[in-house]
Amino acid sequence: MKNVYIGGVTRAGKSTLTLKLYHELGFSVYEMDTIVHSFTKVFPGLGIDEKHPENLDITFTPFAYQVLKCCDMDRKYGKVKMAINGCQLSPKVLYNAPVKDDLLIVFLGMSNVTPKYLFNTFKQTQVEGDWTFNKKDETLLKICENIIEDSKKIKQECKKYEFLYFDTCINRQETLNEIFYYIKANYDKS
């Protein structure tokens, strides 16, 4: 049995997929976002800052590796299967993780669309409470450009480090279902 790590860009479906694993397969859920938010608020001197994600590979990686080790110990000793998700760890960082061979690693992105397409998708699907809900149009369009660029980088790194990458912008639900069934078929292979 392997733990599952779901990485990728914001709004790509990481939480949706993780919750499906929780509800349908009984996975425990571990959100890296929660850890980063906690460090940002409680220990700002550590430099783990959600507002500066470009530094997280350096500042957050030692903590993330420890979390992954602890989840792996829980898996080995308690037979608890974990679905861990977050946007903080790049494929390169996960490739160097001490327990990477005990993880089923999947990345989600939105690299095969234009910023305008992604912008329109967000506008049509966002609900009150989404962090993008009250953004001005020009700000949201810039966010969409960044998401696409980040997705392209993740896609390249996934190819280099041989991790699975799925684009979830078009046919989102079908793609998330495909990933779910892939995980279901492969998470317990040692």
N, C-alpha and C. Protein backbone atom coordinates (compact mmCIF):
# COMPACT_ATOMS: atom_id res chain seq x y z
N MET A 1 0.84 -1.18 0.00
CA MET A 1 0.00 0.00 0.00
C MET A 1 0.88 1.24 0.00
N LYS A 2 0.60 2.15 -0.90
CA LYS A 2 1.35 3.40 -0.97
C LYS A 2 0.46 4.56 -0.56
N ASN A 3 1.08 5.60 -0.01
CA ASN A 3 0.39 6.86 0.17
C ASN A 3 0.34 7.55 -1.19
N VAL A 4 -0.57 8.49 -1.33
CA VAL A 4 -0.74 9.21 -2.58
C VAL A 4 -0.39 10.67 -2.35
N TYR A 5 0.41 11.23 -3.25
CA TYR A 5 0.69 12.67 -3.22
C TYR A 5 0.09 13.29 -4.48
N ILE A 6 -0.75 14.28 -4.30
CA ILE A 6 -1.36 14.99 -5.41
C ILE A 6 -0.85 16.42 -5.38
N GLY A 7 -0.03 16.76 -6.35
CA GLY A 7 0.55 18.09 -6.43
C GLY A 7 0.02 18.83 -7.63
N GLY A 8 0.43 20.08 -7.74
CA GLY A 8 0.05 20.85 -8.91
C GLY A 8 -0.39 22.25 -8.56
N VAL A 9 -0.92 22.92 -9.57
CA VAL A 9 -1.28 24.33 -9.43
C VAL A 9 -2.60 24.50 -8.70
N THR A 10 -2.82 25.71 -8.22
CA THR A 10 -4.06 26.05 -7.56
C THR A 10 -5.24 25.91 -8.52
N ARG A 11 -6.37 25.50 -7.98
CA ARG A 11 -7.63 25.35 -8.71
C ARG A 11 -7.61 24.24 -9.76
N ALA A 12 -6.63 23.33 -9.70
CA ALA A 12 -6.56 22.26 -10.69
C ALA A 12 -7.37 21.03 -10.29
N GLY A 13 -7.83 20.96 -9.04
CA GLY A 13 -8.65 19.83 -8.61
C GLY A 13 -8.01 18.94 -7.56
N LYS A 14 -6.93 19.41 -6.95
CA LYS A 14 -6.23 18.60 -5.94
C LYS A 14 -7.14 18.25 -4.76
N SER A 15 -7.81 19.24 -4.21
CA SER A 15 -8.69 19.00 -3.06
C SER A 15 -9.90 18.15 -3.45
N THR A 16 -10.45 18.42 -4.62
CA THR A 16 -11.59 17.63 -5.10
C THR A 16 -11.22 16.16 -5.21
N LEU A 17 -10.06 15.89 -5.79
CA LEU A 17 -9.60 14.51 -5.94
C LEU A 17 -9.28 13.88 -4.58
N THR A 18 -8.65 14.64 -3.72
CA THR A 18 -8.31 14.13 -2.39
C THR A 18 -9.57 13.77 -1.61
N LEU A 19 -10.58 14.62 -1.68
CA LEU A 19 -11.84 14.33 -0.98
C LEU A 19 -12.54 13.11 -1.56
N LYS A 20 -12.43 12.91 -2.85
CA LYS A 20 -13.00 11.70 -3.47
C LYS A 20 -12.28 10.45 -2.93
N LEU A 21 -10.97 10.53 -2.77
CA LEU A 21 -10.21 9.41 -2.20
C LEU A 21 -10.64 9.16 -0.76
N TYR A 22 -10.90 10.23 -0.03
CA TYR A 22 -11.37 10.12 1.35
C TYR A 22 -12.74 9.44 1.41
N HIS A 23 -13.68 9.97 0.65
CA HIS A 23 -15.05 9.48 0.72
C HIS A 23 -15.23 8.08 0.13
N GLU A 24 -14.54 7.79 -0.95
CA GLU A 24 -14.80 6.53 -1.65
C GLU A 24 -13.81 5.41 -1.33
N LEU A 25 -12.60 5.77 -0.89
CA LEU A 25 -11.61 4.73 -0.61
C LEU A 25 -11.08 4.76 0.82
N GLY A 26 -11.57 5.68 1.63
CA GLY A 26 -11.18 5.71 3.04
C GLY A 26 -9.79 6.24 3.33
N PHE A 27 -9.24 7.05 2.43
CA PHE A 27 -7.95 7.66 2.68
C PHE A 27 -8.07 8.72 3.77
N SER A 28 -7.04 8.85 4.59
CA SER A 28 -6.92 10.01 5.46
C SER A 28 -6.37 11.15 4.61
N VAL A 29 -6.72 12.38 4.94
CA VAL A 29 -6.34 13.53 4.13
C VAL A 29 -5.35 14.38 4.89
N TYR A 30 -4.31 14.80 4.18
CA TYR A 30 -3.29 15.67 4.74
C TYR A 30 -3.06 16.80 3.75
N GLU A 31 -3.34 18.03 4.17
CA GLU A 31 -3.21 19.20 3.30
C GLU A 31 -1.94 19.97 3.62
N MET A 32 -1.02 20.03 2.68
CA MET A 32 0.20 20.80 2.87
C MET A 32 -0.12 22.29 3.04
N ASP A 33 -1.20 22.76 2.39
CA ASP A 33 -1.60 24.17 2.54
C ASP A 33 -1.81 24.53 4.00
N THR A 34 -2.40 23.63 4.76
CA THR A 34 -2.67 23.89 6.17
C THR A 34 -1.38 24.10 6.94
N ILE A 35 -0.37 23.30 6.64
CA ILE A 35 0.92 23.43 7.32
C ILE A 35 1.56 24.77 6.96
N VAL A 36 1.56 25.11 5.68
CA VAL A 36 2.16 26.37 5.24
C VAL A 36 1.43 27.56 5.86
N HIS A 37 0.10 27.54 5.86
CA HIS A 37 -0.67 28.63 6.47
C HIS A 37 -0.32 28.76 7.95
N SER A 38 -0.17 27.64 8.63
CA SER A 38 0.16 27.67 10.05
C SER A 38 1.54 28.27 10.29
N PHE A 39 2.53 27.84 9.52
CA PHE A 39 3.87 28.42 9.66
C PHE A 39 3.85 29.92 9.36
N THR A 40 3.13 30.32 8.32
CA THR A 40 3.06 31.73 7.94
C THR A 40 2.54 32.58 9.09
N LYS A 41 1.52 32.08 9.76
CA LYS A 41 0.87 32.86 10.83
C LYS A 41 1.60 32.76 12.17
N VAL A 42 2.07 31.56 12.53
CA VAL A 42 2.61 31.34 13.88
C VAL A 42 4.12 31.56 13.96
N PHE A 43 4.84 31.15 12.92
CA PHE A 43 6.31 31.26 12.94
C PHE A 43 6.81 32.02 11.70
N PRO A 44 6.48 33.30 11.57
CA PRO A 44 6.87 34.04 10.36
C PRO A 44 8.39 34.13 10.18
N GLY A 45 9.14 34.00 11.25
CA GLY A 45 10.60 34.07 11.16
C GLY A 45 11.22 32.91 10.39
N LEU A 46 10.48 31.85 10.18
CA LEU A 46 11.01 30.70 9.43
C LEU A 46 11.07 30.97 7.92
N GLY A 47 10.37 32.00 7.47
CA GLY A 47 10.40 32.32 6.04
C GLY A 47 9.49 31.43 5.20
N ILE A 48 8.65 30.64 5.85
CA ILE A 48 7.68 29.82 5.12
C ILE A 48 6.43 30.69 4.98
N ASP A 49 6.32 31.32 3.82
CA ASP A 49 5.32 32.36 3.65
C ASP A 49 4.46 32.06 2.43
N GLU A 50 3.18 31.89 2.65
CA GLU A 50 2.25 31.59 1.56
C GLU A 50 2.20 32.70 0.52
N LYS A 51 2.60 33.90 0.89
CA LYS A 51 2.58 35.01 -0.06
C LYS A 51 3.83 35.06 -0.93
N HIS A 52 4.81 34.21 -0.62
CA HIS A 52 6.03 34.13 -1.41
C HIS A 52 6.33 32.67 -1.74
N PRO A 53 5.48 32.07 -2.59
CA PRO A 53 5.63 30.65 -2.89
C PRO A 53 6.93 30.32 -3.62
N GLU A 54 7.55 31.32 -4.23
CA GLU A 54 8.80 31.06 -4.95
C GLU A 54 9.92 30.63 -4.01
N ASN A 55 9.79 30.90 -2.72
CA ASN A 55 10.82 30.53 -1.74
C ASN A 55 10.54 29.19 -1.05
N LEU A 56 9.38 28.61 -1.29
CA LEU A 56 8.98 27.43 -0.53
C LEU A 56 9.85 26.21 -0.80
N ASP A 57 10.41 26.08 -2.01
CA ASP A 57 11.30 24.95 -2.26
C ASP A 57 12.45 24.92 -1.26
N ILE A 58 12.91 26.09 -0.86
CA ILE A 58 14.03 26.18 0.08
C ILE A 58 13.55 26.14 1.52
N THR A 59 12.55 26.96 1.84
CA THR A 59 12.15 27.11 3.24
C THR A 59 11.28 25.97 3.75
N PHE A 60 10.41 25.45 2.90
CA PHE A 60 9.42 24.48 3.36
C PHE A 60 9.85 23.03 3.16
N THR A 61 10.76 22.78 2.25
CA THR A 61 11.13 21.40 1.91
C THR A 61 11.54 20.55 3.11
N PRO A 62 12.40 21.01 4.04
CA PRO A 62 12.75 20.14 5.18
C PRO A 62 11.54 19.73 6.00
N PHE A 63 10.61 20.64 6.20
CA PHE A 63 9.39 20.31 6.95
C PHE A 63 8.52 19.33 6.15
N ALA A 64 8.39 19.60 4.86
CA ALA A 64 7.57 18.72 4.01
C ALA A 64 8.13 17.31 3.99
N TYR A 65 9.45 17.18 3.89
CA TYR A 65 10.05 15.85 3.90
C TYR A 65 9.75 15.13 5.21
N GLN A 66 9.77 15.86 6.32
CA GLN A 66 9.46 15.24 7.61
C GLN A 66 7.99 14.81 7.66
N VAL A 67 7.10 15.63 7.12
CA VAL A 67 5.69 15.26 7.07
C VAL A 67 5.52 13.98 6.24
N LEU A 68 6.17 13.93 5.09
CA LEU A 68 6.07 12.74 4.24
C LEU A 68 6.63 11.50 4.94
N LYS A 69 7.73 11.66 5.69
CA LYS A 69 8.28 10.54 6.46
C LYS A 69 7.30 10.07 7.53
N CYS A 70 6.69 11.01 8.23
CA CYS A 70 5.71 10.65 9.27
C CYS A 70 4.49 9.95 8.67
N CYS A 71 4.02 10.45 7.55
CA CYS A 71 2.89 9.79 6.87
C CYS A 71 3.28 8.38 6.44
N ASP A 72 4.54 8.22 6.01
CA ASP A 72 5.01 6.90 5.60
C ASP A 72 5.09 5.95 6.80
N MET A 73 5.52 6.46 7.95
CA MET A 73 5.55 5.63 9.16
C MET A 73 4.14 5.22 9.56
N ASP A 74 3.19 6.17 9.47
CA ASP A 74 1.80 5.83 9.77
C ASP A 74 1.30 4.75 8.83
N ARG A 75 1.68 4.84 7.58
CA ARG A 75 1.27 3.84 6.58
C ARG A 75 1.84 2.48 6.94
N LYS A 76 3.12 2.44 7.28
CA LYS A 76 3.78 1.17 7.56
C LYS A 76 3.29 0.52 8.84
N TYR A 77 3.14 1.33 9.88
CA TYR A 77 2.83 0.76 11.19
C TYR A 77 1.34 0.70 11.48
N GLY A 78 0.60 1.63 10.95
CA GLY A 78 -0.83 1.65 11.26
C GLY A 78 -1.70 1.27 10.09
N LYS A 79 -1.07 0.99 8.95
CA LYS A 79 -1.80 0.66 7.73
C LYS A 79 -2.82 1.75 7.38
N VAL A 80 -2.47 3.00 7.69
CA VAL A 80 -3.31 4.14 7.35
C VAL A 80 -2.88 4.65 5.98
N LYS A 81 -3.80 4.70 5.06
CA LYS A 81 -3.47 5.22 3.74
C LYS A 81 -3.77 6.71 3.71
N MET A 82 -2.79 7.47 3.25
CA MET A 82 -2.87 8.93 3.26
C MET A 82 -2.94 9.48 1.84
N ALA A 83 -3.80 10.48 1.67
CA ALA A 83 -3.82 11.28 0.45
C ALA A 83 -3.31 12.65 0.85
N ILE A 84 -2.14 13.00 0.37
CA ILE A 84 -1.48 14.25 0.73
C ILE A 84 -1.55 15.15 -0.49
N ASN A 85 -1.97 16.40 -0.29
CA ASN A 85 -1.99 17.28 -1.45
C ASN A 85 -1.41 18.64 -1.12
N GLY A 86 -0.99 19.32 -2.17
CA GLY A 86 -0.46 20.65 -2.01
C GLY A 86 0.17 21.16 -3.29
N CYS A 87 0.33 22.47 -3.33
CA CYS A 87 0.95 23.10 -4.50
C CYS A 87 2.38 23.54 -4.19
N GLN A 88 2.88 23.22 -2.99
CA GLN A 88 4.15 23.75 -2.56
C GLN A 88 5.37 22.96 -3.04
N LEU A 89 5.19 21.70 -3.34
CA LEU A 89 6.34 20.85 -3.70
C LEU A 89 6.37 20.61 -5.20
N SER A 90 7.47 20.95 -5.80
CA SER A 90 7.65 20.75 -7.24
C SER A 90 8.01 19.29 -7.51
N PRO A 91 7.87 18.85 -8.76
CA PRO A 91 8.31 17.49 -9.08
C PRO A 91 9.79 17.26 -8.73
N LYS A 92 10.62 18.27 -8.94
CA LYS A 92 12.05 18.13 -8.60
C LYS A 92 12.23 17.88 -7.11
N VAL A 93 11.50 18.63 -6.28
CA VAL A 93 11.60 18.45 -4.82
C VAL A 93 11.10 17.07 -4.43
N LEU A 94 10.00 16.63 -5.02
CA LEU A 94 9.48 15.30 -4.68
C LEU A 94 10.39 14.18 -5.19
N TYR A 95 11.05 14.41 -6.30
CA TYR A 95 11.98 13.41 -6.82
C TYR A 95 13.10 13.14 -5.81
N ASN A 96 13.47 14.16 -5.05
CA ASN A 96 14.54 14.01 -4.05
C ASN A 96 14.01 13.67 -2.66
N ALA A 97 12.71 13.49 -2.52
CA ALA A 97 12.13 13.16 -1.22
C ALA A 97 12.60 11.78 -0.77
N PRO A 98 12.92 11.64 0.51
CA PRO A 98 13.44 10.36 1.01
C PRO A 98 12.46 9.20 0.90
N VAL A 99 11.18 9.47 0.77
CA VAL A 99 10.19 8.39 0.69
C VAL A 99 9.46 8.37 -0.65
N LYS A 100 10.05 8.95 -1.67
CA LYS A 100 9.35 9.07 -2.96
C LYS A 100 8.95 7.72 -3.54
N ASP A 101 9.73 6.68 -3.28
CA ASP A 101 9.41 5.36 -3.82
C ASP A 101 8.21 4.73 -3.13
N ASP A 102 7.82 5.28 -1.99
CA ASP A 102 6.66 4.78 -1.26
C ASP A 102 5.43 5.66 -1.48
N LEU A 103 5.50 6.52 -2.48
CA LEU A 103 4.39 7.40 -2.81
C LEU A 103 3.92 7.14 -4.24
N LEU A 104 2.64 7.22 -4.44
CA LEU A 104 2.08 7.28 -5.78
C LEU A 104 1.89 8.77 -6.04
N ILE A 105 2.68 9.33 -6.95
CA ILE A 105 2.74 10.79 -7.15
C ILE A 105 2.03 11.17 -8.45
N VAL A 106 1.13 12.13 -8.34
CA VAL A 106 0.36 12.63 -9.47
C VAL A 106 0.36 14.15 -9.41
N PHE A 107 0.55 14.79 -10.54
CA PHE A 107 0.47 16.25 -10.62
C PHE A 107 -0.67 16.67 -11.54
N LEU A 108 -1.32 17.76 -11.14
CA LEU A 108 -2.42 18.33 -11.91
C LEU A 108 -2.04 19.74 -12.36
N GLY A 109 -2.43 20.07 -13.55
CA GLY A 109 -2.15 21.41 -14.06
C GLY A 109 -3.18 21.84 -15.08
N MET A 110 -2.96 23.02 -15.61
CA MET A 110 -3.83 23.58 -16.64
C MET A 110 -2.94 24.29 -17.66
N SER A 111 -2.27 23.51 -18.47
CA SER A 111 -1.27 24.05 -19.39
C SER A 111 -1.73 24.12 -20.83
N ASN A 112 -2.85 23.50 -21.16
CA ASN A 112 -3.26 23.39 -22.56
C ASN A 112 -4.38 24.35 -22.94
N VAL A 113 -4.45 25.49 -22.27
CA VAL A 113 -5.48 26.48 -22.56
C VAL A 113 -4.87 27.87 -22.58
N THR A 114 -5.64 28.82 -23.04
CA THR A 114 -5.19 30.21 -23.03
C THR A 114 -5.60 30.86 -21.70
N PRO A 115 -4.93 31.95 -21.34
CA PRO A 115 -5.34 32.65 -20.12
C PRO A 115 -6.82 33.09 -20.15
N LYS A 116 -7.28 33.54 -21.30
CA LYS A 116 -8.68 33.98 -21.43
C LYS A 116 -9.64 32.81 -21.20
N TYR A 117 -9.31 31.63 -21.74
CA TYR A 117 -10.16 30.45 -21.53
C TYR A 117 -10.21 30.10 -20.04
N LEU A 118 -9.05 30.10 -19.39
CA LEU A 118 -9.00 29.78 -17.97
C LEU A 118 -9.76 30.83 -17.15
N PHE A 119 -9.58 32.09 -17.51
CA PHE A 119 -10.30 33.19 -16.87
C PHE A 119 -11.81 32.96 -16.95
N ASN A 120 -12.31 32.65 -18.14
CA ASN A 120 -13.75 32.42 -18.33
C ASN A 120 -14.22 31.21 -17.54
N THR A 121 -13.39 30.18 -17.48
CA THR A 121 -13.73 28.99 -16.70
C THR A 121 -13.87 29.35 -15.22
N PHE A 122 -12.91 30.09 -14.70
CA PHE A 122 -12.97 30.51 -13.30
C PHE A 122 -14.22 31.35 -13.04
N LYS A 123 -14.51 32.28 -13.93
CA LYS A 123 -15.67 33.15 -13.75
C LYS A 123 -16.97 32.34 -13.73
N GLN A 124 -17.05 31.30 -14.55
CA GLN A 124 -18.26 30.49 -14.63
C GLN A 124 -18.42 29.53 -13.46
N THR A 125 -17.30 29.10 -12.88
CA THR A 125 -17.37 28.03 -11.88
C THR A 125 -17.11 28.49 -10.45
N GLN A 126 -16.59 29.69 -10.28
CA GLN A 126 -16.25 30.11 -8.92
C GLN A 126 -17.51 30.39 -8.10
N VAL A 127 -17.38 30.14 -6.83
CA VAL A 127 -18.48 30.40 -5.90
C VAL A 127 -17.94 31.29 -4.79
N GLU A 128 -18.86 31.94 -4.09
CA GLU A 128 -18.45 32.78 -2.98
C GLU A 128 -17.65 31.93 -2.00
N GLY A 129 -16.53 32.47 -1.58
CA GLY A 129 -15.63 31.73 -0.69
C GLY A 129 -14.36 31.29 -1.41
N ASP A 130 -14.42 31.11 -2.75
CA ASP A 130 -13.20 30.82 -3.51
C ASP A 130 -12.27 32.02 -3.39
N TRP A 131 -10.99 31.74 -3.27
CA TRP A 131 -10.04 32.84 -3.10
C TRP A 131 -10.00 33.75 -4.32
N THR A 132 -10.49 33.28 -5.46
CA THR A 132 -10.51 34.11 -6.67
C THR A 132 -11.81 34.90 -6.81
N PHE A 133 -12.77 34.71 -5.92
CA PHE A 133 -14.13 35.24 -6.08
C PHE A 133 -14.19 36.76 -6.23
N ASN A 134 -13.52 37.49 -5.40
CA ASN A 134 -13.62 38.95 -5.43
C ASN A 134 -12.46 39.63 -6.14
N LYS A 135 -11.69 38.89 -6.90
CA LYS A 135 -10.55 39.49 -7.62
C LYS A 135 -11.06 40.33 -8.79
N LYS A 136 -10.39 41.44 -9.02
CA LYS A 136 -10.69 42.25 -10.20
C LYS A 136 -10.32 41.44 -11.44
N ASP A 137 -10.99 41.74 -12.54
CA ASP A 137 -10.78 40.97 -13.76
C ASP A 137 -9.33 40.97 -14.21
N GLU A 138 -8.68 42.14 -14.18
CA GLU A 138 -7.28 42.19 -14.64
C GLU A 138 -6.36 41.40 -13.71
N THR A 139 -6.67 41.38 -12.42
CA THR A 139 -5.89 40.59 -11.46
C THR A 139 -6.11 39.11 -11.71
N LEU A 140 -7.35 38.71 -11.92
CA LEU A 140 -7.66 37.30 -12.18
C LEU A 140 -7.03 36.83 -13.49
N LEU A 141 -7.02 37.68 -14.50
CA LEU A 141 -6.39 37.31 -15.77
C LEU A 141 -4.89 37.08 -15.57
N LYS A 142 -4.25 37.91 -14.79
CA LYS A 142 -2.81 37.74 -14.50
C LYS A 142 -2.59 36.44 -13.72
N ILE A 143 -3.46 36.15 -12.77
CA ILE A 143 -3.37 34.89 -12.03
C ILE A 143 -3.48 33.70 -13.00
N CYS A 144 -4.39 33.80 -13.95
CA CYS A 144 -4.56 32.73 -14.95
C CYS A 144 -3.29 32.55 -15.78
N GLU A 145 -2.67 33.65 -16.18
CA GLU A 145 -1.40 33.57 -16.92
C GLU A 145 -0.34 32.84 -16.10
N ASN A 146 -0.25 33.19 -14.81
CA ASN A 146 0.74 32.55 -13.93
C ASN A 146 0.44 31.06 -13.73
N ILE A 147 -0.83 30.72 -13.58
CA ILE A 147 -1.21 29.31 -13.41
C ILE A 147 -0.79 28.50 -14.63
N ILE A 148 -1.02 29.04 -15.81
CA ILE A 148 -0.65 28.33 -17.04
C ILE A 148 0.86 28.18 -17.14
N GLU A 149 1.60 29.23 -16.85
CA GLU A 149 3.07 29.14 -16.89
C GLU A 149 3.59 28.14 -15.86
N ASP A 150 3.05 28.18 -14.64
CA ASP A 150 3.45 27.22 -13.62
C ASP A 150 3.11 25.80 -14.05
N SER A 151 1.96 25.63 -14.68
CA SER A 151 1.55 24.30 -15.16
C SER A 151 2.53 23.77 -16.20
N LYS A 152 2.97 24.64 -17.09
CA LYS A 152 3.92 24.22 -18.13
C LYS A 152 5.25 23.78 -17.50
N LYS A 153 5.69 24.49 -16.47
CA LYS A 153 6.92 24.11 -15.77
C LYS A 153 6.75 22.76 -15.09
N ILE A 154 5.63 22.58 -14.41
CA ILE A 154 5.36 21.32 -13.73
C ILE A 154 5.30 20.18 -14.74
N LYS A 155 4.64 20.41 -15.86
CA LYS A 155 4.53 19.38 -16.91
C LYS A 155 5.92 18.97 -17.41
N GLN A 156 6.80 19.95 -17.63
CA GLN A 156 8.17 19.65 -18.07
C GLN A 156 8.93 18.85 -17.01
N GLU A 157 8.81 19.27 -15.74
CA GLU A 157 9.49 18.55 -14.66
C GLU A 157 8.93 17.14 -14.50
N CYS A 158 7.63 16.98 -14.66
CA CYS A 158 7.03 15.64 -14.56
C CYS A 158 7.60 14.72 -15.63
N LYS A 159 7.77 15.25 -16.81
CA LYS A 159 8.36 14.45 -17.89
C LYS A 159 9.80 14.07 -17.53
N LYS A 160 10.55 15.03 -17.03
CA LYS A 160 11.95 14.78 -16.67
C LYS A 160 12.08 13.76 -15.55
N TYR A 161 11.21 13.87 -14.52
CA TYR A 161 11.33 13.01 -13.34
C TYR A 161 10.37 11.82 -13.37
N GLU A 162 9.68 11.66 -14.49
CA GLU A 162 8.79 10.51 -14.73
C GLU A 162 7.66 10.40 -13.72
N PHE A 163 7.00 11.54 -13.46
CA PHE A 163 5.78 11.57 -12.67
C PHE A 163 4.60 11.77 -13.61
N LEU A 164 3.44 11.32 -13.18
CA LEU A 164 2.24 11.50 -13.98
C LEU A 164 1.77 12.95 -13.91
N TYR A 165 1.38 13.50 -15.05
CA TYR A 165 0.84 14.85 -15.14
C TYR A 165 -0.48 14.77 -15.90
N PHE A 166 -1.50 15.42 -15.35
CA PHE A 166 -2.80 15.47 -16.00
C PHE A 166 -3.24 16.92 -16.11
N ASP A 167 -3.74 17.30 -17.28
CA ASP A 167 -4.30 18.61 -17.49
C ASP A 167 -5.79 18.52 -17.17
N THR A 168 -6.26 19.34 -16.24
CA THR A 168 -7.62 19.22 -15.76
C THR A 168 -8.55 20.35 -16.20
N CYS A 169 -8.10 21.22 -17.07
CA CYS A 169 -8.93 22.38 -17.41
C CYS A 169 -10.08 22.00 -18.35
N ILE A 170 -9.79 21.19 -19.34
CA ILE A 170 -10.82 20.75 -20.28
C ILE A 170 -11.25 19.36 -19.85
N ASN A 171 -12.54 19.10 -19.84
CA ASN A 171 -13.08 17.80 -19.39
C ASN A 171 -12.62 17.49 -17.97
N ARG A 172 -12.72 18.46 -17.11
CA ARG A 172 -12.22 18.36 -15.73
C ARG A 172 -12.74 17.12 -15.01
N GLN A 173 -14.06 16.94 -14.97
CA GLN A 173 -14.62 15.84 -14.19
C GLN A 173 -14.18 14.49 -14.75
N GLU A 174 -14.17 14.34 -16.06
CA GLU A 174 -13.74 13.09 -16.67
C GLU A 174 -12.26 12.81 -16.35
N THR A 175 -11.45 13.87 -16.38
CA THR A 175 -10.03 13.71 -16.08
C THR A 175 -9.82 13.33 -14.62
N LEU A 176 -10.53 14.00 -13.70
CA LEU A 176 -10.41 13.65 -12.28
C LEU A 176 -10.88 12.22 -12.03
N ASN A 177 -11.92 11.79 -12.71
CA ASN A 177 -12.37 10.40 -12.59
C ASN A 177 -11.31 9.43 -13.10
N GLU A 178 -10.68 9.76 -14.21
CA GLU A 178 -9.61 8.94 -14.77
C GLU A 178 -8.46 8.80 -13.77
N ILE A 179 -8.07 9.92 -13.15
CA ILE A 179 -7.00 9.89 -12.16
C ILE A 179 -7.42 9.06 -10.95
N PHE A 180 -8.66 9.25 -10.49
CA PHE A 180 -9.17 8.48 -9.35
C PHE A 180 -9.07 6.98 -9.61
N TYR A 181 -9.52 6.55 -10.78
CA TYR A 181 -9.49 5.11 -11.08
C TYR A 181 -8.06 4.61 -11.25
N TYR A 182 -7.19 5.46 -11.76
CA TYR A 182 -5.77 5.09 -11.83
C TYR A 182 -5.22 4.87 -10.41
N ILE A 183 -5.49 5.81 -9.53
CA ILE A 183 -5.02 5.69 -8.14
C ILE A 183 -5.62 4.45 -7.49
N LYS A 184 -6.90 4.26 -7.67
CA LYS A 184 -7.59 3.10 -7.09
C LYS A 184 -6.94 1.79 -7.54
N ALA A 185 -6.54 1.73 -8.79
CA ALA A 185 -5.93 0.51 -9.32
C ALA A 185 -4.47 0.33 -8.91
N ASN A 186 -3.81 1.42 -8.49
CA ASN A 186 -2.36 1.35 -8.29
C ASN A 186 -1.85 1.67 -6.90
N TYR A 187 -2.67 2.22 -5.99
CA TYR A 187 -2.11 2.68 -4.72
C TYR A 187 -1.61 1.55 -3.83
N ASP A 188 -2.14 0.37 -3.97
CA ASP A 188 -1.69 -0.70 -3.08
C ASP A 188 -0.63 -1.60 -3.69
N LYS A 189 -0.11 -1.23 -4.84
CA LYS A 189 0.98 -1.99 -5.44
C LYS A 189 2.28 -1.57 -4.76
N SER A 190 3.01 -2.54 -4.30
CA SER A 190 4.28 -2.23 -3.60
C SER A 190 5.45 -2.32 -4.54
